[in-house]
Amino acid sequence: MFIETEATPNPATLKFLPGQDVMGQRGTADFTSAETAGRSPLAERLFGLEGVARVFLGGDFVTVTKVDETDWQALKPQVLGAIMEHYMAGRPVVLEAEGEAALEDSDPADAEIVAQIKELLDTRVRPAVAGDGGDIVFRSYRDGIVRLHLQGACSGCPSSRATLKHGVENMLRHYVPEVVAVEQVEA
């Protein structure tokens, strides 16, 4: 098994590509601590490594964020080994699906606007964000304000605020005139 690695815009995060499905079509999963990783044997294994601060599982990649005190030169081989061992053992990546839709908030009267926003996010934003080892998740639309949650490499990335304000907000305002602002939320 050969696992590729890629840098991300977040220097504390590396993207690992095992050459096979991680989450596939089941969406994504973001684990911010060992305590939240219980439904993913792979994330639990990665959090068992000293220096791992966050694990994000995408369609065909895993991003790992390290704590500041840890050096990638020491941690990267351990992460590669853990991912390889996990796949060689044939263990599941996740045990159950997470219900993201339950976390959404919007007025039913805005259903058409929300559908337009989600379509733009799914077709224009999420593929680019996934390329950088992260994801962007719709959380709410109220009074012209879109609230989005950044996951994986995008969470805590130094350029994430600029990406949201100058990229995502401008694009959404262009295509959906009802949108007046985009805000980042933590969950």
C-alpha atoms as a PDB file:
ATOM      1  CA  MET A   1       0.000   0.000   0.000  1.00  0.00           C
ATOM      2  CA  PHE A   2       1.348   3.417  -0.979  1.00  0.00           C
ATOM      3  CA  ILE A   3       0.029   6.502   0.812  1.00  0.00           C
ATOM      4  CA  GLU A   4       0.655   9.899  -0.755  1.00  0.00           C
ATOM      5  CA  THR A   5       0.947  13.034   1.345  1.00  0.00           C
ATOM      6  CA  GLU A   6       0.215  16.610   0.389  1.00  0.00           C
ATOM      7  CA  ALA A   7       0.784  19.896   2.160  1.00  0.00           C
ATOM      8  CA  THR A   8      -2.269  22.037   2.885  1.00  0.00           C
ATOM      9  CA  PRO A   9      -2.604  25.806   3.297  1.00  0.00           C
ATOM     10  CA  ASN A  10      -2.606  25.143   7.051  1.00  0.00           C
ATOM     11  CA  PRO A  11       1.011  24.415   8.081  1.00  0.00           C
ATOM     12  CA  ALA A  12      -0.192  22.374  11.067  1.00  0.00           C
ATOM     13  CA  THR A  13      -2.131  19.993   8.804  1.00  0.00           C
ATOM     14  CA  LEU A  14      -1.072  17.330   6.291  1.00  0.00           C
ATOM     15  CA  LYS A  15      -3.318  15.507   3.830  1.00  0.00           C
ATOM     16  CA  PHE A  16      -2.844  11.729   3.506  1.00  0.00           C
ATOM     17  CA  LEU A  17      -4.202   9.915   0.411  1.00  0.00           C
ATOM     18  CA  PRO A  18      -4.327   6.119   0.912  1.00  0.00           C
ATOM     19  CA  GLY A  19      -5.343   5.440  -2.704  1.00  0.00           C
ATOM     20  CA  GLN A  20      -8.779   4.115  -1.726  1.00  0.00           C
ATOM     21  CA  ASP A  21     -12.044   5.307  -0.233  1.00  0.00           C
ATOM     22  CA  VAL A  22     -11.915   6.763   3.220  1.00  0.00           C
ATOM     23  CA  MET A  23     -15.481   8.043   3.632  1.00  0.00           C
ATOM     24  CA  GLY A  24     -16.490   7.601  -0.017  1.00  0.00           C
ATOM     25  CA  GLN A  25     -19.983   8.920  -0.671  1.00  0.00           C
ATOM     26  CA  ARG A  26     -20.870   8.955   3.042  1.00  0.00           C
ATOM     27  CA  GLY A  27     -19.758  12.574   3.437  1.00  0.00           C
ATOM     28  CA  THR A  28     -17.063  13.672   5.854  1.00  0.00           C
ATOM     29  CA  ALA A  29     -16.239  13.308   9.525  1.00  0.00           C
ATOM     30  CA  ASP A  30     -14.353  15.809  11.665  1.00  0.00           C
ATOM     31  CA  PHE A  31     -12.899  14.782  15.016  1.00  0.00           C
ATOM     32  CA  THR A  32     -11.550  17.566  17.206  1.00  0.00           C
ATOM     33  CA  SER A  33     -10.300  15.356  20.045  1.00  0.00           C
ATOM     34  CA  ALA A  34      -9.775  11.746  21.064  1.00  0.00           C
ATOM     35  CA  GLU A  35     -13.005  11.946  23.073  1.00  0.00           C
ATOM     36  CA  THR A  36     -15.049  12.643  19.911  1.00  0.00           C
ATOM     37  CA  ALA A  37     -13.431   9.865  17.856  1.00  0.00           C
ATOM     38  CA  GLY A  38     -15.326   6.929  19.363  1.00  0.00           C
ATOM     39  CA  ARG A  39     -17.273   6.146  16.193  1.00  0.00           C
ATOM     40  CA  SER A  40     -14.122   5.900  14.063  1.00  0.00           C
ATOM     41  CA  PRO A  41     -11.530   3.201  14.698  1.00  0.00           C
ATOM     42  CA  LEU A  42      -9.165   5.015  12.311  1.00  0.00           C
ATOM     43  CA  ALA A  43      -9.496   8.365  14.101  1.00  0.00           C
ATOM     44  CA  GLU A  44      -9.072   6.634  17.480  1.00  0.00           C
ATOM     45  CA  ARG A  45      -5.848   5.028  16.246  1.00  0.00           C
ATOM     46  CA  LEU A  46      -4.513   8.364  14.983  1.00  0.00           C
ATOM     47  CA  PHE A  47      -5.357  10.137  18.251  1.00  0.00           C
ATOM     48  CA  GLY A  48      -3.328   7.439  19.986  1.00  0.00           C
ATOM     49  CA  LEU A  49      -0.239   9.067  18.460  1.00  0.00           C
ATOM     50  CA  GLU A  50       1.345  11.775  20.567  1.00  0.00           C
ATOM     51  CA  GLY A  51       0.972  15.183  18.937  1.00  0.00           C
ATOM     52  CA  VAL A  52      -2.257  14.617  16.951  1.00  0.00           C
ATOM     53  CA  ALA A  53      -4.740  17.444  17.600  1.00  0.00           C
ATOM     54  CA  ARG A  54      -7.452  16.826  14.976  1.00  0.00           C
ATOM     55  CA  VAL A  55      -8.466  14.175  12.421  1.00  0.00           C
ATOM     56  CA  PHE A  56     -10.663  14.850   9.391  1.00  0.00           C
ATOM     57  CA  LEU A  57     -11.928  12.085   7.102  1.00  0.00           C
ATOM     58  CA  GLY A  58     -12.847  13.042   3.537  1.00  0.00           C
ATOM     59  CA  GLY A  59     -14.020  11.022   0.544  1.00  0.00           C
ATOM     60  CA  ASP A  60     -10.575   9.683  -0.362  1.00  0.00           C
ATOM     61  CA  PHE A  61      -8.252  11.369   2.122  1.00  0.00           C
ATOM     62  CA  VAL A  62      -7.397  11.827   5.789  1.00  0.00           C
ATOM     63  CA  THR A  63      -6.115  15.128   7.124  1.00  0.00           C
ATOM     64  CA  VAL A  64      -4.252  15.204  10.393  1.00  0.00           C
ATOM     65  CA  THR A  65      -3.579  18.375  12.355  1.00  0.00           C
ATOM     66  CA  LYS A  66      -0.703  18.368  14.817  1.00  0.00           C
ATOM     67  CA  VAL A  67      -0.149  20.339  17.995  1.00  0.00           C
ATOM     68  CA  ASP A  68       2.335  23.203  17.695  1.00  0.00           C
ATOM     69  CA  GLU A  69       4.987  21.488  19.818  1.00  0.00           C
ATOM     70  CA  THR A  70       5.195  18.462  17.508  1.00  0.00           C
ATOM     71  CA  ASP A  71       7.356  18.321  14.377  1.00  0.00           C
ATOM     72  CA  TRP A  72       6.007  16.732  11.183  1.00  0.00           C
ATOM     73  CA  GLN A  73       9.360  15.026  10.649  1.00  0.00           C
ATOM     74  CA  ALA A  74       8.679  12.874  13.712  1.00  0.00           C
ATOM     75  CA  LEU A  75       4.888  12.535  13.407  1.00  0.00           C
ATOM     76  CA  LYS A  76       4.427  11.921   9.659  1.00  0.00           C
ATOM     77  CA  PRO A  77       5.965   8.385   9.614  1.00  0.00           C
ATOM     78  CA  GLN A  78       3.816   7.402  12.595  1.00  0.00           C
ATOM     79  CA  VAL A  79       0.645   8.649  10.871  1.00  0.00           C
ATOM     80  CA  LEU A  80       1.565   6.797   7.665  1.00  0.00           C
ATOM     81  CA  GLY A  81       2.122   3.605   9.659  1.00  0.00           C
ATOM     82  CA  ALA A  82      -1.150   3.940  11.545  1.00  0.00           C
ATOM     83  CA  ILE A  83      -3.174   4.488   8.362  1.00  0.00           C
ATOM     84  CA  MET A  84      -1.453   1.586   6.600  1.00  0.00           C
ATOM     85  CA  GLU A  85      -1.984  -0.771   9.549  1.00  0.00           C
ATOM     86  CA  HIS A  86      -5.649   0.235   9.747  1.00  0.00           C
ATOM     87  CA  TYR A  87      -6.333  -0.556   6.091  1.00  0.00           C
ATOM     88  CA  MET A  88      -4.233  -3.732   6.073  1.00  0.00           C
ATOM     89  CA  ALA A  89      -6.281  -5.027   9.037  1.00  0.00           C
ATOM     90  CA  GLY A  90      -9.510  -4.387   7.090  1.00  0.00           C
ATOM     91  CA  ARG A  91     -11.098  -2.397   9.908  1.00  0.00           C
ATOM     92  CA  PRO A  92     -13.965   0.037   9.184  1.00  0.00           C
ATOM     93  CA  VAL A  93     -13.177   3.743   8.959  1.00  0.00           C
ATOM     94  CA  VAL A  94     -16.397   4.763  10.746  1.00  0.00           C
ATOM     95  CA  LEU A  95     -19.029   2.724  12.534  1.00  0.00           C
ATOM     96  CA  GLU A  96     -22.069   4.887  11.776  1.00  0.00           C
ATOM     97  CA  ALA A  97     -23.015   7.979   9.801  1.00  0.00           C
ATOM     98  CA  GLU A  98     -23.239  11.371  11.473  1.00  0.00           C
ATOM     99  CA  GLY A  99     -26.398  13.440  10.995  1.00  0.00           C
ATOM    100  CA  GLU A 100     -25.184  16.816   9.691  1.00  0.00           C
ATOM    101  CA  ALA A 101     -28.627  17.910   8.501  1.00  0.00           C
ATOM    102  CA  ALA A 102     -29.918  17.916  12.075  1.00  0.00           C
ATOM    103  CA  LEU A 103     -27.525  20.790  12.844  1.00  0.00           C
ATOM    104  CA  GLU A 104     -28.979  23.064  10.151  1.00  0.00           C
ATOM    105  CA  ASP A 105     -31.147  26.081  10.906  1.00  0.00           C
ATOM    106  CA  SER A 106     -33.160  28.073   8.397  1.00  0.00           C
ATOM    107  CA  ASP A 107     -36.670  29.402   7.899  1.00  0.00           C
ATOM    108  CA  PRO A 108     -38.784  26.988   5.821  1.00  0.00           C
ATOM    109  CA  ALA A 109     -39.887  30.015   3.774  1.00  0.00           C
ATOM    110  CA  ASP A 110     -36.250  30.360   2.619  1.00  0.00           C
ATOM    111  CA  ALA A 111     -36.055  26.780   1.296  1.00  0.00           C
ATOM    112  CA  GLU A 112     -35.419  27.887  -2.303  1.00  0.00           C
ATOM    113  CA  ILE A 113     -32.608  30.265  -1.270  1.00  0.00           C
ATOM    114  CA  VAL A 114     -31.059  27.583   0.962  1.00  0.00           C
ATOM    115  CA  ALA A 115     -31.197  25.088  -1.924  1.00  0.00           C
ATOM    116  CA  GLN A 116     -29.345  27.581  -4.179  1.00  0.00           C
ATOM    117  CA  ILE A 117     -26.714  28.208  -1.494  1.00  0.00           C
ATOM    118  CA  LYS A 118     -26.155  24.470  -0.926  1.00  0.00           C
ATOM    119  CA  GLU A 119     -25.924  23.806  -4.671  1.00  0.00           C
ATOM    120  CA  LEU A 120     -23.245  26.492  -5.066  1.00  0.00           C
ATOM    121  CA  LEU A 121     -21.336  25.200  -2.051  1.00  0.00           C
ATOM    122  CA  ASP A 122     -21.502  21.596  -3.315  1.00  0.00           C
ATOM    123  CA  THR A 123     -20.483  22.359  -6.912  1.00  0.00           C
ATOM    124  CA  ARG A 124     -18.089  25.305  -6.615  1.00  0.00           C
ATOM    125  CA  VAL A 125     -16.690  25.505  -3.089  1.00  0.00           C
ATOM    126  CA  ARG A 126     -16.491  22.034  -1.542  1.00  0.00           C
ATOM    127  CA  PRO A 127     -14.377  20.487  -4.335  1.00  0.00           C
ATOM    128  CA  ALA A 128     -11.757  23.236  -3.971  1.00  0.00           C
ATOM    129  CA  VAL A 129     -11.790  23.014  -0.172  1.00  0.00           C
ATOM    130  CA  ALA A 130     -11.496  19.200  -0.355  1.00  0.00           C
ATOM    131  CA  GLY A 131      -8.446  19.679  -2.561  1.00  0.00           C
ATOM    132  CA  ASP A 132      -6.842  21.486   0.376  1.00  0.00           C
ATOM    133  CA  GLY A 133      -7.770  18.704   2.815  1.00  0.00           C
ATOM    134  CA  GLY A 134     -10.921  20.130   4.357  1.00  0.00           C
ATOM    135  CA  ASP A 135     -14.631  20.661   3.988  1.00  0.00           C
ATOM    136  CA  ILE A 136     -17.162  23.443   4.367  1.00  0.00           C
ATOM    137  CA  VAL A 137     -20.572  22.617   5.820  1.00  0.00           C
ATOM    138  CA  PHE A 138     -23.754  24.677   5.632  1.00  0.00           C
ATOM    139  CA  ARG A 139     -25.165  25.398   9.097  1.00  0.00           C
ATOM    140  CA  SER A 140     -27.780  28.131   8.675  1.00  0.00           C
ATOM    141  CA  TYR A 141     -29.326  30.936   6.664  1.00  0.00           C
ATOM    142  CA  ARG A 142     -31.254  33.664   8.481  1.00  0.00           C
ATOM    143  CA  ASP A 143     -31.835  37.321   7.573  1.00  0.00           C
ATOM    144  CA  GLY A 144     -29.393  37.195   4.659  1.00  0.00           C
ATOM    145  CA  ILE A 145     -26.557  35.720   6.720  1.00  0.00           C
ATOM    146  CA  VAL A 146     -25.079  32.342   5.762  1.00  0.00           C
ATOM    147  CA  ARG A 147     -23.273  30.504   8.542  1.00  0.00           C
ATOM    148  CA  LEU A 148     -20.729  27.879   7.538  1.00  0.00           C
ATOM    149  CA  HIS A 149     -18.555  25.467   9.486  1.00  0.00           C
ATOM    150  CA  LEU A 150     -15.005  24.795   8.271  1.00  0.00           C
ATOM    151  CA  GLN A 151     -13.559  21.351   8.891  1.00  0.00           C
ATOM    152  CA  GLY A 152     -10.264  19.546   8.468  1.00  0.00           C
ATOM    153  CA  ALA A 153      -7.298  21.567   7.214  1.00  0.00           C
ATOM    154  CA  CYS A 154      -9.562  24.606   6.840  1.00  0.00           C
ATOM    155  CA  SER A 155     -10.334  24.774  10.533  1.00  0.00           C
ATOM    156  CA  GLY A 156      -7.741  27.037  12.076  1.00  0.00           C
ATOM    157  CA  CYS A 157      -6.062  27.756   8.745  1.00  0.00           C
ATOM    158  CA  PRO A 158      -4.566  31.262   8.666  1.00  0.00           C
ATOM    159  CA  SER A 159      -6.279  32.035   5.342  1.00  0.00           C
ATOM    160  CA  SER A 160      -9.732  30.633   6.205  1.00  0.00           C
ATOM    161  CA  ARG A 161     -11.314  33.967   7.140  1.00  0.00           C
ATOM    162  CA  ALA A 162     -10.096  35.550   3.896  1.00  0.00           C
ATOM    163  CA  THR A 163     -11.365  32.558   1.913  1.00  0.00           C
ATOM    164  CA  LEU A 164     -14.800  32.916   3.490  1.00  0.00           C
ATOM    165  CA  LYS A 165     -15.067  36.688   3.127  1.00  0.00           C
ATOM    166  CA  HIS A 166     -13.423  37.253  -0.248  1.00  0.00           C
ATOM    167  CA  GLY A 167     -14.151  33.971  -1.952  1.00  0.00           C
ATOM    168  CA  VAL A 168     -17.286  32.302  -0.675  1.00  0.00           C
ATOM    169  CA  GLU A 169     -19.164  35.428   0.382  1.00  0.00           C
ATOM    170  CA  ASN A 170     -18.524  37.256  -2.903  1.00  0.00           C
ATOM    171  CA  MET A 171     -19.534  34.226  -4.957  1.00  0.00           C
ATOM    172  CA  LEU A 172     -22.739  33.619  -2.973  1.00  0.00           C
ATOM    173  CA  ARG A 173     -23.690  37.309  -3.090  1.00  0.00           C
ATOM    174  CA  HIS A 174     -23.176  37.300  -6.856  1.00  0.00           C
ATOM    175  CA  TYR A 175     -25.424  34.291  -7.536  1.00  0.00           C
ATOM    176  CA  VAL A 176     -27.888  34.666  -4.642  1.00  0.00           C
ATOM    177  CA  PRO A 177     -28.698  38.376  -4.152  1.00  0.00           C
ATOM    178  CA  GLU A 178     -30.509  37.652  -0.872  1.00  0.00           C
ATOM    179  CA  VAL A 179     -27.171  36.789   0.757  1.00  0.00           C
ATOM    180  CA  VAL A 180     -25.643  39.771   2.558  1.00  0.00           C
ATOM    181  CA  ALA A 181     -22.856  38.117   4.550  1.00  0.00           C
ATOM    182  CA  VAL A 182     -21.105  34.841   5.329  1.00  0.00           C
ATOM    183  CA  GLU A 183     -19.946  33.963   8.864  1.00  0.00           C
ATOM    184  CA  GLN A 184     -17.872  31.130  10.213  1.00  0.00           C
ATOM    185  CA  VAL A 185     -19.265  29.064  13.096  1.00  0.00           C
ATOM    186  CA  GLU A 186     -17.490  26.458  15.182  1.00  0.00           C
ATOM    187  CA  ALA A 187     -20.056  23.680  15.155  1.00  0.00           C
END
